[in-house]
Amino acid sequence: MTSARHDARVRPPRGRPGGVAEPAPSSSSRTSRPRRGRRARWSGWLYVLPALAVYGVFVLRPLLLTLQYSLYRWDGIGVAQFTGLDNYVTVLSDSDLLKIISNALILIVFFSFIPVGLGLVVAGLIRRLANSPLGTVTRTVLFLPQVIPLVAAGIAWSWVLSATGMANQFLSGIGLGGVTRSWLGEFDTALPSVGLIGVWVLLGLCTMLLLTGMSKIDPSLYDAASIDGAGPVRQFLAVTLPGLRQEIGVCLTVTIIAALASFDIVYISTGGGPGLQTTVPGLEIYRLAFAQRQVGLASALSVVLMLLVLICILPIQRLTRKERG
């Protein structure tokens, strides 16, 4: 018993080598750590504060003001009159405004689905010519519309598609003079012609995004598919398309927003005519607010357009997120 007690008394304290005990942390060191953590968090917010301030002033504040104005009848100068949801009822019941919204939905086919579909085909062909001079030239030509201002593109295409433009001259030259017309000035062809301009503008962007996505696909997958006897079409459907889900989602998101928010191409090429045949929500919002002084109705149409964008985009984003998981 005495030897055990003696060993317990002389046993060196545990902790550090040599039997030196670790000093107990003081209360000041324990309280300084949370302070450092809080200070680091506050310093991080200080770094992003300028960006948050700019975002709040130029994005959130106008959005909240638009929501407020949409509940009033106001000409932008005089006293505003509260009308509740009357402006939204007008947007969803007026035949002209519904026609304008339907024009934007039709443009989604030209601005989004056709460029993405053609972009997949063109990117697949360019991928096979990646190391040749023809592949480089093709990429440059397709991406050229992205560096041209849309106003200049609208002016150029209005010349090409006019009654005496290059398109009709080409058709007359190959013996199809009977189908020539003012493509942007007739009711049947005006909206598809505007859609054609959108295809030309967005095809290069979709092709480059999809081509970048194809470069990330493991080449061994194509080798394995080739060993299994899959041809080019089968490889495209079984390997390329599944590997491009996220890139296709990005292309659809960007192009659908471009279709629903289109303004400059329509304003320059047709001005919304003939009639309301090519008028889109962005152009009508501009007219209602600045020409007809119906700020409340223009704000309500803006909110409806924003909701329409979210309805079209959120399912695509959700499917993309699901695939990532």
C-alpha atoms as a PDB file:
ATOM      1  CA  MET A   1       0.000   0.000   0.000  1.00  0.00           C
ATOM      2  CA  THR A   2       2.746   2.463   0.869  1.00  0.00           C
ATOM      3  CA  SER A   3       4.704   1.717  -2.305  1.00  0.00           C
ATOM      4  CA  ALA A   4       1.603   2.295  -4.447  1.00  0.00           C
ATOM      5  CA  ARG A   5       0.933   5.625  -2.743  1.00  0.00           C
ATOM      6  CA  HIS A   6       4.596   6.583  -3.158  1.00  0.00           C
ATOM      7  CA  ASP A   7       4.475   5.770  -6.915  1.00  0.00           C
ATOM      8  CA  ALA A   8       1.357   7.833  -7.300  1.00  0.00           C
ATOM      9  CA  ARG A   9       3.046  10.787  -5.612  1.00  0.00           C
ATOM     10  CA  VAL A  10       6.253  10.677  -7.641  1.00  0.00           C
ATOM     11  CA  ARG A  11       4.696   9.759 -11.061  1.00  0.00           C
ATOM     12  CA  PRO A  12       5.399  12.664 -13.455  1.00  0.00           C
ATOM     13  CA  PRO A  13       2.388  14.523 -14.751  1.00  0.00           C
ATOM     14  CA  ARG A  14       1.145  13.530 -18.177  1.00  0.00           C
ATOM     15  CA  GLY A  15       0.970  15.850 -21.136  1.00  0.00           C
ATOM     16  CA  ARG A  16       4.343  17.003 -22.392  1.00  0.00           C
ATOM     17  CA  PRO A  17       7.571  14.971 -22.724  1.00  0.00           C
ATOM     18  CA  GLY A  18       9.806  15.159 -19.723  1.00  0.00           C
ATOM     19  CA  GLY A  19       6.920  15.286 -17.322  1.00  0.00           C
ATOM     20  CA  VAL A  20       6.205  18.997 -17.739  1.00  0.00           C
ATOM     21  CA  ALA A  21       2.501  19.597 -17.419  1.00  0.00           C
ATOM     22  CA  GLU A  22       0.696  21.693 -20.032  1.00  0.00           C
ATOM     23  CA  PRO A  23      -0.430  25.027 -18.675  1.00  0.00           C
ATOM     24  CA  ALA A  24      -4.142  25.336 -18.283  1.00  0.00           C
ATOM     25  CA  PRO A  25      -5.652  27.695 -20.836  1.00  0.00           C
ATOM     26  CA  SER A  26      -6.389  31.006 -19.325  1.00  0.00           C
ATOM     27  CA  SER A  27      -9.808  32.576 -19.466  1.00  0.00           C
ATOM     28  CA  SER A  28      -8.492  35.405 -21.677  1.00  0.00           C
ATOM     29  CA  SER A  29      -7.268  32.965 -24.379  1.00  0.00           C
ATOM     30  CA  ARG A  30     -10.591  31.126 -24.307  1.00  0.00           C
ATOM     31  CA  THR A  31     -12.534  34.323 -24.874  1.00  0.00           C
ATOM     32  CA  SER A  32     -10.138  35.650 -27.537  1.00  0.00           C
ATOM     33  CA  ARG A  33     -10.840  32.792 -29.953  1.00  0.00           C
ATOM     34  CA  PRO A  34     -14.555  33.569 -30.442  1.00  0.00           C
ATOM     35  CA  ARG A  35     -13.646  37.206 -30.784  1.00  0.00           C
ATOM     36  CA  ARG A  36     -11.200  36.392 -33.581  1.00  0.00           C
ATOM     37  CA  GLY A  37     -13.863  34.301 -35.324  1.00  0.00           C
ATOM     38  CA  ARG A  38     -16.410  37.088 -35.096  1.00  0.00           C
ATOM     39  CA  ARG A  39     -13.854  39.594 -36.291  1.00  0.00           C
ATOM     40  CA  ALA A  40     -13.027  37.403 -39.320  1.00  0.00           C
ATOM     41  CA  ARG A  41     -16.707  37.090 -40.204  1.00  0.00           C
ATOM     42  CA  TRP A  42     -17.224  40.833 -39.959  1.00  0.00           C
ATOM     43  CA  SER A  43     -14.140  41.511 -42.073  1.00  0.00           C
ATOM     44  CA  GLY A  44     -15.543  39.158 -44.743  1.00  0.00           C
ATOM     45  CA  TRP A  45     -18.812  41.104 -44.838  1.00  0.00           C
ATOM     46  CA  LEU A  46     -16.854  44.326 -45.188  1.00  0.00           C
ATOM     47  CA  TYR A  47     -15.214  42.972 -48.347  1.00  0.00           C
ATOM     48  CA  VAL A  48     -18.558  42.143 -49.993  1.00  0.00           C
ATOM     49  CA  LEU A  49     -20.369  45.231 -48.677  1.00  0.00           C
ATOM     50  CA  PRO A  50     -19.613  47.423 -51.762  1.00  0.00           C
ATOM     51  CA  ALA A  51     -20.964  44.732 -54.102  1.00  0.00           C
ATOM     52  CA  LEU A  52     -24.043  44.250 -51.908  1.00  0.00           C
ATOM     53  CA  ALA A  53     -24.652  48.000 -51.866  1.00  0.00           C
ATOM     54  CA  VAL A  54     -24.459  48.222 -55.671  1.00  0.00           C
ATOM     55  CA  TYR A  55     -26.725  45.182 -56.029  1.00  0.00           C
ATOM     56  CA  GLY A  56     -29.237  46.624 -53.604  1.00  0.00           C
ATOM     57  CA  VAL A  57     -29.336  50.055 -55.259  1.00  0.00           C
ATOM     58  CA  PHE A  58     -29.427  48.928 -58.887  1.00  0.00           C
ATOM     59  CA  VAL A  59     -31.284  45.582 -58.649  1.00  0.00           C
ATOM     60  CA  LEU A  60     -33.305  45.134 -55.458  1.00  0.00           C
ATOM     61  CA  ARG A  61     -34.551  48.714 -55.149  1.00  0.00           C
ATOM     62  CA  PRO A  62     -35.834  48.922 -58.763  1.00  0.00           C
ATOM     63  CA  LEU A  63     -37.461  45.528 -58.333  1.00  0.00           C
ATOM     64  CA  LEU A  64     -39.301  46.621 -55.211  1.00  0.00           C
ATOM     65  CA  LEU A  65     -40.327  49.900 -56.858  1.00  0.00           C
ATOM     66  CA  THR A  66     -41.668  47.976 -59.865  1.00  0.00           C
ATOM     67  CA  LEU A  67     -43.770  45.830 -57.552  1.00  0.00           C
ATOM     68  CA  GLN A  68     -45.056  48.976 -55.864  1.00  0.00           C
ATOM     69  CA  TYR A  69     -45.840  50.826 -59.109  1.00  0.00           C
ATOM     70  CA  SER A  70     -47.706  47.803 -60.486  1.00  0.00           C
ATOM     71  CA  LEU A  71     -50.405  48.367 -57.848  1.00  0.00           C
ATOM     72  CA  TYR A  72     -51.086  51.957 -58.948  1.00  0.00           C
ATOM     73  CA  ARG A  73     -52.438  53.850 -61.916  1.00  0.00           C
ATOM     74  CA  TRP A  74     -49.759  56.453 -62.522  1.00  0.00           C
ATOM     75  CA  ASP A  75     -48.539  58.509 -65.458  1.00  0.00           C
ATOM     76  CA  GLY A  76     -45.084  59.031 -63.984  1.00  0.00           C
ATOM     77  CA  ILE A  77     -45.700  62.680 -63.077  1.00  0.00           C
ATOM     78  CA  GLY A  78     -48.999  63.258 -61.314  1.00  0.00           C
ATOM     79  CA  VAL A  79     -50.567  61.704 -58.244  1.00  0.00           C
ATOM     80  CA  ALA A  80     -50.700  57.908 -58.257  1.00  0.00           C
ATOM     81  CA  GLN A  81     -54.018  56.167 -57.662  1.00  0.00           C
ATOM     82  CA  PHE A  82     -54.028  52.803 -55.893  1.00  0.00           C
ATOM     83  CA  THR A  83     -55.805  50.156 -57.986  1.00  0.00           C
ATOM     84  CA  GLY A  84     -54.716  46.906 -56.346  1.00  0.00           C
ATOM     85  CA  LEU A  85     -54.467  44.030 -58.807  1.00  0.00           C
ATOM     86  CA  ASP A  86     -56.361  45.765 -61.635  1.00  0.00           C
ATOM     87  CA  ASN A  87     -53.194  46.136 -63.728  1.00  0.00           C
ATOM     88  CA  TYR A  88     -52.488  42.409 -63.454  1.00  0.00           C
ATOM     89  CA  VAL A  89     -56.079  41.612 -64.465  1.00  0.00           C
ATOM     90  CA  THR A  90     -55.583  43.803 -67.529  1.00  0.00           C
ATOM     91  CA  VAL A  91     -52.349  42.053 -68.464  1.00  0.00           C
ATOM     92  CA  LEU A  92     -53.918  38.599 -68.183  1.00  0.00           C
ATOM     93  CA  SER A  93     -57.191  39.483 -69.930  1.00  0.00           C
ATOM     94  CA  ASP A  94     -56.308  41.994 -72.642  1.00  0.00           C
ATOM     95  CA  SER A  95     -56.102  40.210 -76.008  1.00  0.00           C
ATOM     96  CA  ASP A  96     -53.321  42.448 -77.329  1.00  0.00           C
ATOM     97  CA  LEU A  97     -51.117  41.890 -74.287  1.00  0.00           C
ATOM     98  CA  LEU A  98     -51.739  38.144 -74.416  1.00  0.00           C
ATOM     99  CA  LYS A  99     -50.760  38.200 -78.099  1.00  0.00           C
ATOM    100  CA  ILE A 100     -47.542  40.008 -77.169  1.00  0.00           C
ATOM    101  CA  ILE A 101     -46.718  37.415 -74.504  1.00  0.00           C
ATOM    102  CA  SER A 102     -47.429  34.601 -76.984  1.00  0.00           C
ATOM    103  CA  ASN A 103     -44.973  36.183 -79.440  1.00  0.00           C
ATOM    104  CA  ALA A 104     -42.249  35.869 -76.816  1.00  0.00           C
ATOM    105  CA  LEU A 105     -43.148  32.225 -76.228  1.00  0.00           C
ATOM    106  CA  ILE A 106     -42.936  31.531 -79.965  1.00  0.00           C
ATOM    107  CA  LEU A 107     -39.519  33.183 -80.089  1.00  0.00           C
ATOM    108  CA  ILE A 108     -38.304  30.630 -77.522  1.00  0.00           C
ATOM    109  CA  VAL A 109     -38.439  28.034 -80.310  1.00  0.00           C
ATOM    110  CA  PHE A 110     -36.173  30.156 -82.536  1.00  0.00           C
ATOM    111  CA  PHE A 111     -33.921  31.647 -79.873  1.00  0.00           C
ATOM    112  CA  SER A 112     -33.511  28.521 -77.742  1.00  0.00           C
ATOM    113  CA  PHE A 113     -34.511  25.142 -79.146  1.00  0.00           C
ATOM    114  CA  ILE A 114     -33.198  25.599 -82.692  1.00  0.00           C
ATOM    115  CA  PRO A 115     -29.788  27.072 -81.652  1.00  0.00           C
ATOM    116  CA  VAL A 116     -29.296  24.347 -79.027  1.00  0.00           C
ATOM    117  CA  GLY A 117     -30.279  21.572 -81.441  1.00  0.00           C
ATOM    118  CA  LEU A 118     -28.124  22.915 -84.263  1.00  0.00           C
ATOM    119  CA  GLY A 119     -25.342  23.660 -81.784  1.00  0.00           C
ATOM    120  CA  LEU A 120     -25.212  20.005 -80.765  1.00  0.00           C
ATOM    121  CA  VAL A 121     -24.847  18.907 -84.382  1.00  0.00           C
ATOM    122  CA  VAL A 122     -22.317  21.595 -85.300  1.00  0.00           C
ATOM    123  CA  ALA A 123     -20.270  21.035 -82.127  1.00  0.00           C
ATOM    124  CA  GLY A 124     -20.151  17.307 -82.859  1.00  0.00           C
ATOM    125  CA  LEU A 125     -18.854  18.005 -86.374  1.00  0.00           C
ATOM    126  CA  ILE A 126     -16.314  20.588 -85.198  1.00  0.00           C
ATOM    127  CA  ARG A 127     -15.062  18.159 -82.554  1.00  0.00           C
ATOM    128  CA  ARG A 128     -14.013  15.779 -85.311  1.00  0.00           C
ATOM    129  CA  LEU A 129     -12.188  18.659 -87.029  1.00  0.00           C
ATOM    130  CA  ALA A 130     -10.722  20.135 -83.858  1.00  0.00           C
ATOM    131  CA  ASN A 131      -7.087  20.016 -84.960  1.00  0.00           C
ATOM    132  CA  SER A 132      -7.639  21.103 -88.557  1.00  0.00           C
ATOM    133  CA  PRO A 133      -7.616  24.682 -89.890  1.00  0.00           C
ATOM    134  CA  LEU A 134     -11.233  24.223 -90.984  1.00  0.00           C
ATOM    135  CA  GLY A 135     -12.273  23.666 -87.374  1.00  0.00           C
ATOM    136  CA  THR A 136     -10.615  26.903 -86.256  1.00  0.00           C
ATOM    137  CA  VAL A 137     -12.213  28.916 -89.062  1.00  0.00           C
ATOM    138  CA  THR A 138     -15.636  27.414 -88.318  1.00  0.00           C
ATOM    139  CA  ARG A 139     -15.404  28.302 -84.628  1.00  0.00           C
ATOM    140  CA  THR A 140     -14.381  31.869 -85.466  1.00  0.00           C
ATOM    141  CA  VAL A 141     -17.191  32.386 -87.978  1.00  0.00           C
ATOM    142  CA  LEU A 142     -19.844  30.940 -85.674  1.00  0.00           C
ATOM    143  CA  PHE A 143     -18.738  33.017 -82.692  1.00  0.00           C
ATOM    144  CA  LEU A 144     -18.528  36.238 -84.708  1.00  0.00           C
ATOM    145  CA  PRO A 145     -22.157  37.311 -83.981  1.00  0.00           C
ATOM    146  CA  GLN A 146     -21.317  37.437 -80.260  1.00  0.00           C
ATOM    147  CA  VAL A 147     -18.872  40.307 -80.780  1.00  0.00           C
ATOM    148  CA  ILE A 148     -21.172  42.280 -83.101  1.00  0.00           C
ATOM    149  CA  PRO A 149     -23.551  44.723 -81.366  1.00  0.00           C
ATOM    150  CA  LEU A 150     -27.136  43.545 -81.647  1.00  0.00           C
ATOM    151  CA  VAL A 151     -28.180  46.935 -82.986  1.00  0.00           C
ATOM    152  CA  ALA A 152     -25.747  46.555 -85.877  1.00  0.00           C
ATOM    153  CA  ALA A 153     -26.943  42.987 -86.424  1.00  0.00           C
ATOM    154  CA  GLY A 154     -30.569  44.151 -86.553  1.00  0.00           C
ATOM    155  CA  ILE A 155     -29.737  46.860 -89.095  1.00  0.00           C
ATOM    156  CA  ALA A 156     -27.765  44.454 -91.289  1.00  0.00           C
ATOM    157  CA  TRP A 157     -30.497  41.815 -91.255  1.00  0.00           C
ATOM    158  CA  SER A 158     -33.194  44.393 -92.012  1.00  0.00           C
ATOM    159  CA  TRP A 159     -31.242  45.192 -95.191  1.00  0.00           C
ATOM    160  CA  VAL A 160     -30.783  41.523 -96.056  1.00  0.00           C
ATOM    161  CA  LEU A 161     -34.474  40.672 -95.575  1.00  0.00           C
ATOM    162  CA  SER A 162     -35.935  43.782 -97.203  1.00  0.00           C
ATOM    163  CA  ALA A 163     -37.890  43.658-100.473  1.00  0.00           C
ATOM    164  CA  THR A 164     -34.744  44.468-102.473  1.00  0.00           C
ATOM    165  CA  GLY A 165     -32.306  42.790-100.101  1.00  0.00           C
ATOM    166  CA  MET A 166     -29.773  40.046-100.664  1.00  0.00           C
ATOM    167  CA  ALA A 167     -32.180  37.276 -99.680  1.00  0.00           C
ATOM    168  CA  ASN A 168     -34.668  38.162-102.416  1.00  0.00           C
ATOM    169  CA  GLN A 169     -31.884  38.753-104.926  1.00  0.00           C
ATOM    170  CA  PHE A 170     -30.526  35.282-104.206  1.00  0.00           C
ATOM    171  CA  LEU A 171     -33.977  33.702-104.575  1.00  0.00           C
ATOM    172  CA  SER A 172     -34.531  35.516-107.854  1.00  0.00           C
ATOM    173  CA  GLY A 173     -31.117  34.421-109.076  1.00  0.00           C
ATOM    174  CA  ILE A 174     -31.927  30.724-108.582  1.00  0.00           C
ATOM    175  CA  GLY A 175     -35.344  30.997-110.218  1.00  0.00           C
ATOM    176  CA  LEU A 176     -37.505  31.411-107.083  1.00  0.00           C
ATOM    177  CA  GLY A 177     -38.591  34.980-107.721  1.00  0.00           C
ATOM    178  CA  GLY A 178     -42.203  34.025-107.059  1.00  0.00           C
ATOM    179  CA  VAL A 179     -41.532  33.535-103.330  1.00  0.00           C
ATOM    180  CA  THR A 180     -39.739  36.825-102.782  1.00  0.00           C
ATOM    181  CA  ARG A 181     -41.386  39.245-100.385  1.00  0.00           C
ATOM    182  CA  SER A 182     -40.682  41.792 -97.696  1.00  0.00           C
ATOM    183  CA  TRP A 183     -39.842  39.194 -95.070  1.00  0.00           C
ATOM    184  CA  LEU A 184     -39.942  41.583 -92.112  1.00  0.00           C
ATOM    185  CA  GLY A 185     -42.977  43.481 -93.336  1.00  0.00           C
ATOM    186  CA  GLU A 186     -45.600  40.781 -93.851  1.00  0.00           C
ATOM    187  CA  PHE A 187     -47.784  39.265 -91.150  1.00  0.00           C
ATOM    188  CA  ASP A 188     -46.975  35.652 -91.997  1.00  0.00           C
ATOM    189  CA  THR A 189     -43.196  35.960 -92.165  1.00  0.00           C
ATOM    190  CA  ALA A 190     -42.271  38.815 -89.816  1.00  0.00           C
ATOM    191  CA  LEU A 191     -42.009  36.832 -86.570  1.00  0.00           C
ATOM    192  CA  PRO A 192     -40.180  33.827 -88.110  1.00  0.00           C
ATOM    193  CA  SER A 193     -37.763  36.280 -89.751  1.00  0.00           C
ATOM    194  CA  VAL A 194     -37.008  37.866 -86.375  1.00  0.00           C
ATOM    195  CA  GLY A 195     -36.552  34.336 -85.033  1.00  0.00           C
ATOM    196  CA  LEU A 196     -34.065  33.639 -87.830  1.00  0.00           C
ATOM    197  CA  ILE A 197     -31.984  36.592 -86.662  1.00  0.00           C
ATOM    198  CA  GLY A 198     -32.056  35.141 -83.146  1.00  0.00           C
ATOM    199  CA  VAL A 199     -30.867  31.769 -84.457  1.00  0.00           C
ATOM    200  CA  TRP A 200     -27.949  33.465 -86.185  1.00  0.00           C
ATOM    201  CA  VAL A 201     -27.001  35.425 -83.059  1.00  0.00           C
ATOM    202  CA  LEU A 202     -27.221  32.557 -80.530  1.00  0.00           C
ATOM    203  CA  LEU A 203     -26.001  29.595 -82.576  1.00  0.00           C
ATOM    204  CA  GLY A 204     -22.335  30.458 -82.049  1.00  0.00           C
ATOM    205  CA  LEU A 205     -22.729  30.859 -78.284  1.00  0.00           C
ATOM    206  CA  CYS A 206     -24.492  27.502 -77.922  1.00  0.00           C
ATOM    207  CA  THR A 207     -21.943  25.799 -80.151  1.00  0.00           C
ATOM    208  CA  MET A 208     -18.990  27.083 -78.143  1.00  0.00           C
ATOM    209  CA  LEU A 209     -20.554  26.105 -74.803  1.00  0.00           C
ATOM    210  CA  LEU A 210     -21.409  22.624 -76.045  1.00  0.00           C
ATOM    211  CA  LEU A 211     -18.012  22.192 -77.680  1.00  0.00           C
ATOM    212  CA  THR A 212     -16.352  23.068 -74.376  1.00  0.00           C
ATOM    213  CA  GLY A 213     -18.509  20.494 -72.637  1.00  0.00           C
ATOM    214  CA  MET A 214     -17.576  17.846 -75.186  1.00  0.00           C
ATOM    215  CA  SER A 215     -13.894  18.408 -74.477  1.00  0.00           C
ATOM    216  CA  LYS A 216     -14.519  17.361 -70.846  1.00  0.00           C
ATOM    217  CA  ILE A 217     -16.001  13.973 -71.758  1.00  0.00           C
ATOM    218  CA  ASP A 218     -13.599  11.073 -71.147  1.00  0.00           C
ATOM    219  CA  PRO A 219     -12.387   9.780 -74.549  1.00  0.00           C
ATOM    220  CA  SER A 220     -12.315   6.242 -73.161  1.00  0.00           C
ATOM    221  CA  LEU A 221     -16.122   6.287 -73.170  1.00  0.00           C
ATOM    222  CA  TYR A 222     -16.099   6.720 -76.936  1.00  0.00           C
ATOM    223  CA  ASP A 223     -13.514   3.954 -77.279  1.00  0.00           C
ATOM    224  CA  ALA A 224     -15.636   1.611 -75.207  1.00  0.00           C
ATOM    225  CA  ALA A 225     -18.738   2.462 -77.242  1.00  0.00           C
ATOM    226  CA  SER A 226     -16.807   1.886 -80.468  1.00  0.00           C
ATOM    227  CA  ILE A 227     -15.619  -1.519 -79.252  1.00  0.00           C
ATOM    228  CA  ASP A 228     -19.238  -2.400 -78.492  1.00  0.00           C
ATOM    229  CA  GLY A 229     -20.098  -1.630 -82.103  1.00  0.00           C
ATOM    230  CA  ALA A 230     -21.742   1.772 -81.638  1.00  0.00           C
ATOM    231  CA  GLY A 231     -21.583   4.057 -84.645  1.00  0.00           C
ATOM    232  CA  PRO A 232     -21.255   7.863 -84.595  1.00  0.00           C
ATOM    233  CA  VAL A 233     -24.989   8.430 -84.103  1.00  0.00           C
ATOM    234  CA  ARG A 234     -25.228   5.873 -81.313  1.00  0.00           C
ATOM    235  CA  GLN A 235     -22.132   7.328 -79.612  1.00  0.00           C
ATOM    236  CA  PHE A 236     -23.689  10.779 -79.820  1.00  0.00           C
ATOM    237  CA  LEU A 237     -26.927   9.600 -78.203  1.00  0.00           C
ATOM    238  CA  ALA A 238     -25.369   7.301 -75.579  1.00  0.00           C
ATOM    239  CA  VAL A 239     -22.203   9.205 -74.631  1.00  0.00           C
ATOM    240  CA  THR A 240     -22.290  12.823 -75.796  1.00  0.00           C
ATOM    241  CA  LEU A 241     -25.827  13.805 -74.806  1.00  0.00           C
ATOM    242  CA  PRO A 242     -25.651  12.391 -71.238  1.00  0.00           C
ATOM    243  CA  GLY A 243     -22.290  14.102 -70.756  1.00  0.00           C
ATOM    244  CA  LEU A 244     -23.680  17.481 -71.842  1.00  0.00           C
ATOM    245  CA  ARG A 245     -26.693  17.722 -69.542  1.00  0.00           C
ATOM    246  CA  GLN A 246     -25.287  20.631 -67.550  1.00  0.00           C
ATOM    247  CA  GLU A 247     -24.070  22.501 -70.643  1.00  0.00           C
ATOM    248  CA  ILE A 248     -27.435  22.024 -72.337  1.00  0.00           C
ATOM    249  CA  GLY A 249     -29.094  23.387 -69.201  1.00  0.00           C
ATOM    250  CA  VAL A 250     -26.890  26.491 -69.333  1.00  0.00           C
ATOM    251  CA  CYS A 251     -27.637  27.006 -73.035  1.00  0.00           C
ATOM    252  CA  LEU A 252     -31.380  26.663 -72.495  1.00  0.00           C
ATOM    253  CA  THR A 253     -31.289  29.062 -69.565  1.00  0.00           C
ATOM    254  CA  VAL A 254     -29.372  31.762 -71.420  1.00  0.00           C
ATOM    255  CA  THR A 255     -31.326  31.482 -74.662  1.00  0.00           C
ATOM    256  CA  ILE A 256     -34.786  31.349 -73.039  1.00  0.00           C
ATOM    257  CA  ILE A 257     -33.992  34.515 -71.096  1.00  0.00           C
ATOM    258  CA  ALA A 258     -32.777  36.110 -74.353  1.00  0.00           C
ATOM    259  CA  ALA A 259     -36.061  35.173 -76.062  1.00  0.00           C
ATOM    260  CA  LEU A 260     -38.349  36.439 -73.311  1.00  0.00           C
ATOM    261  CA  ALA A 261     -36.326  39.615 -72.708  1.00  0.00           C
ATOM    262  CA  SER A 262     -35.653  40.405 -76.380  1.00  0.00           C
ATOM    263  CA  PHE A 263     -35.843  44.078 -77.275  1.00  0.00           C
ATOM    264  CA  ASP A 264     -33.035  45.489 -79.386  1.00  0.00           C
ATOM    265  CA  ILE A 265     -33.282  43.120 -82.386  1.00  0.00           C
ATOM    266  CA  VAL A 266     -37.065  43.578 -82.601  1.00  0.00           C
ATOM    267  CA  TYR A 267     -36.898  47.340 -82.067  1.00  0.00           C
ATOM    268  CA  ILE A 268     -34.312  47.835 -84.816  1.00  0.00           C
ATOM    269  CA  SER A 269     -35.539  45.327 -87.406  1.00  0.00           C
ATOM    270  CA  THR A 270     -39.343  45.672 -87.275  1.00  0.00           C
ATOM    271  CA  GLY A 271     -40.264  48.119 -84.502  1.00  0.00           C
ATOM    272  CA  GLY A 272     -42.838  45.573 -83.363  1.00  0.00           C
ATOM    273  CA  GLY A 273     -44.769  45.559 -86.645  1.00  0.00           C
ATOM    274  CA  PRO A 274     -46.581  44.855 -88.768  1.00  0.00           C
ATOM    275  CA  GLY A 275     -49.343  45.494 -86.259  1.00  0.00           C
ATOM    276  CA  LEU A 276     -48.466  43.545 -83.123  1.00  0.00           C
ATOM    277  CA  GLN A 277     -47.029  40.640 -85.061  1.00  0.00           C
ATOM    278  CA  THR A 278     -43.471  41.002 -83.712  1.00  0.00           C
ATOM    279  CA  THR A 279     -44.155  43.059 -80.579  1.00  0.00           C
ATOM    280  CA  VAL A 280     -42.587  41.416 -77.519  1.00  0.00           C
ATOM    281  CA  PRO A 281     -43.061  42.216 -73.813  1.00  0.00           C
ATOM    282  CA  GLY A 282     -39.819  44.190 -73.540  1.00  0.00           C
ATOM    283  CA  LEU A 283     -40.840  46.483 -76.388  1.00  0.00           C
ATOM    284  CA  GLU A 284     -44.389  46.874 -75.068  1.00  0.00           C
ATOM    285  CA  ILE A 285     -43.114  47.747 -71.583  1.00  0.00           C
ATOM    286  CA  TYR A 286     -41.019  50.499 -73.152  1.00  0.00           C
ATOM    287  CA  ARG A 287     -44.006  51.857 -75.071  1.00  0.00           C
ATOM    288  CA  LEU A 288     -46.405  51.733 -72.137  1.00  0.00           C
ATOM    289  CA  ALA A 289     -43.992  53.445 -69.756  1.00  0.00           C
ATOM    290  CA  PHE A 290     -42.438  56.132 -71.967  1.00  0.00           C
ATOM    291  CA  ALA A 291     -44.888  56.700 -74.833  1.00  0.00           C
ATOM    292  CA  GLN A 292     -48.321  56.060 -73.302  1.00  0.00           C
ATOM    293  CA  ARG A 293     -47.438  57.094 -69.724  1.00  0.00           C
ATOM    294  CA  GLN A 294     -49.014  53.978 -68.185  1.00  0.00           C
ATOM    295  CA  VAL A 295     -46.286  53.261 -65.668  1.00  0.00           C
ATOM    296  CA  GLY A 296     -48.466  51.016 -63.507  1.00  0.00           C
ATOM    297  CA  LEU A 297     -49.525  48.770 -66.394  1.00  0.00           C
ATOM    298  CA  ALA A 298     -45.939  48.636 -67.682  1.00  0.00           C
ATOM    299  CA  SER A 299     -44.735  47.619 -64.214  1.00  0.00           C
ATOM    300  CA  ALA A 300     -47.385  44.893 -63.983  1.00  0.00           C
ATOM    301  CA  LEU A 301     -46.314  43.532 -67.381  1.00  0.00           C
ATOM    302  CA  SER A 302     -42.707  43.585 -66.159  1.00  0.00           C
ATOM    303  CA  VAL A 303     -43.614  41.528 -63.100  1.00  0.00           C
ATOM    304  CA  VAL A 304     -45.556  39.040 -65.234  1.00  0.00           C
ATOM    305  CA  LEU A 305     -42.564  38.765 -67.564  1.00  0.00           C
ATOM    306  CA  MET A 306     -40.260  38.124 -64.599  1.00  0.00           C
ATOM    307  CA  LEU A 307     -42.576  35.378 -63.329  1.00  0.00           C
ATOM    308  CA  LEU A 308     -42.721  33.871 -66.810  1.00  0.00           C
ATOM    309  CA  VAL A 309     -38.920  33.749 -66.922  1.00  0.00           C
ATOM    310  CA  LEU A 310     -38.819  32.033 -63.536  1.00  0.00           C
ATOM    311  CA  ILE A 311     -41.484  29.518 -64.583  1.00  0.00           C
ATOM    312  CA  CYS A 312     -39.452  28.597 -67.656  1.00  0.00           C
ATOM    313  CA  ILE A 313     -36.017  28.605 -66.015  1.00  0.00           C
ATOM    314  CA  LEU A 314     -36.504  27.048 -62.579  1.00  0.00           C
ATOM    315  CA  PRO A 315     -37.482  23.565 -63.873  1.00  0.00           C
ATOM    316  CA  ILE A 316     -34.362  23.515 -66.055  1.00  0.00           C
ATOM    317  CA  GLN A 317     -32.174  24.518 -63.120  1.00  0.00           C
ATOM    318  CA  ARG A 318     -33.824  21.928 -60.889  1.00  0.00           C
ATOM    319  CA  LEU A 319     -33.261  19.140 -63.415  1.00  0.00           C
ATOM    320  CA  THR A 320     -29.635  20.199 -63.789  1.00  0.00           C
ATOM    321  CA  ARG A 321     -29.142  20.168 -60.029  1.00  0.00           C
ATOM    322  CA  LYS A 322     -30.746  16.749 -59.774  1.00  0.00           C
ATOM    323  CA  GLU A 323     -28.361  15.343 -62.337  1.00  0.00           C
ATOM    324  CA  ARG A 324     -25.394  16.718 -60.424  1.00  0.00           C
ATOM    325  CA  GLY A 325     -26.596  14.940 -57.309  1.00  0.00           C
END
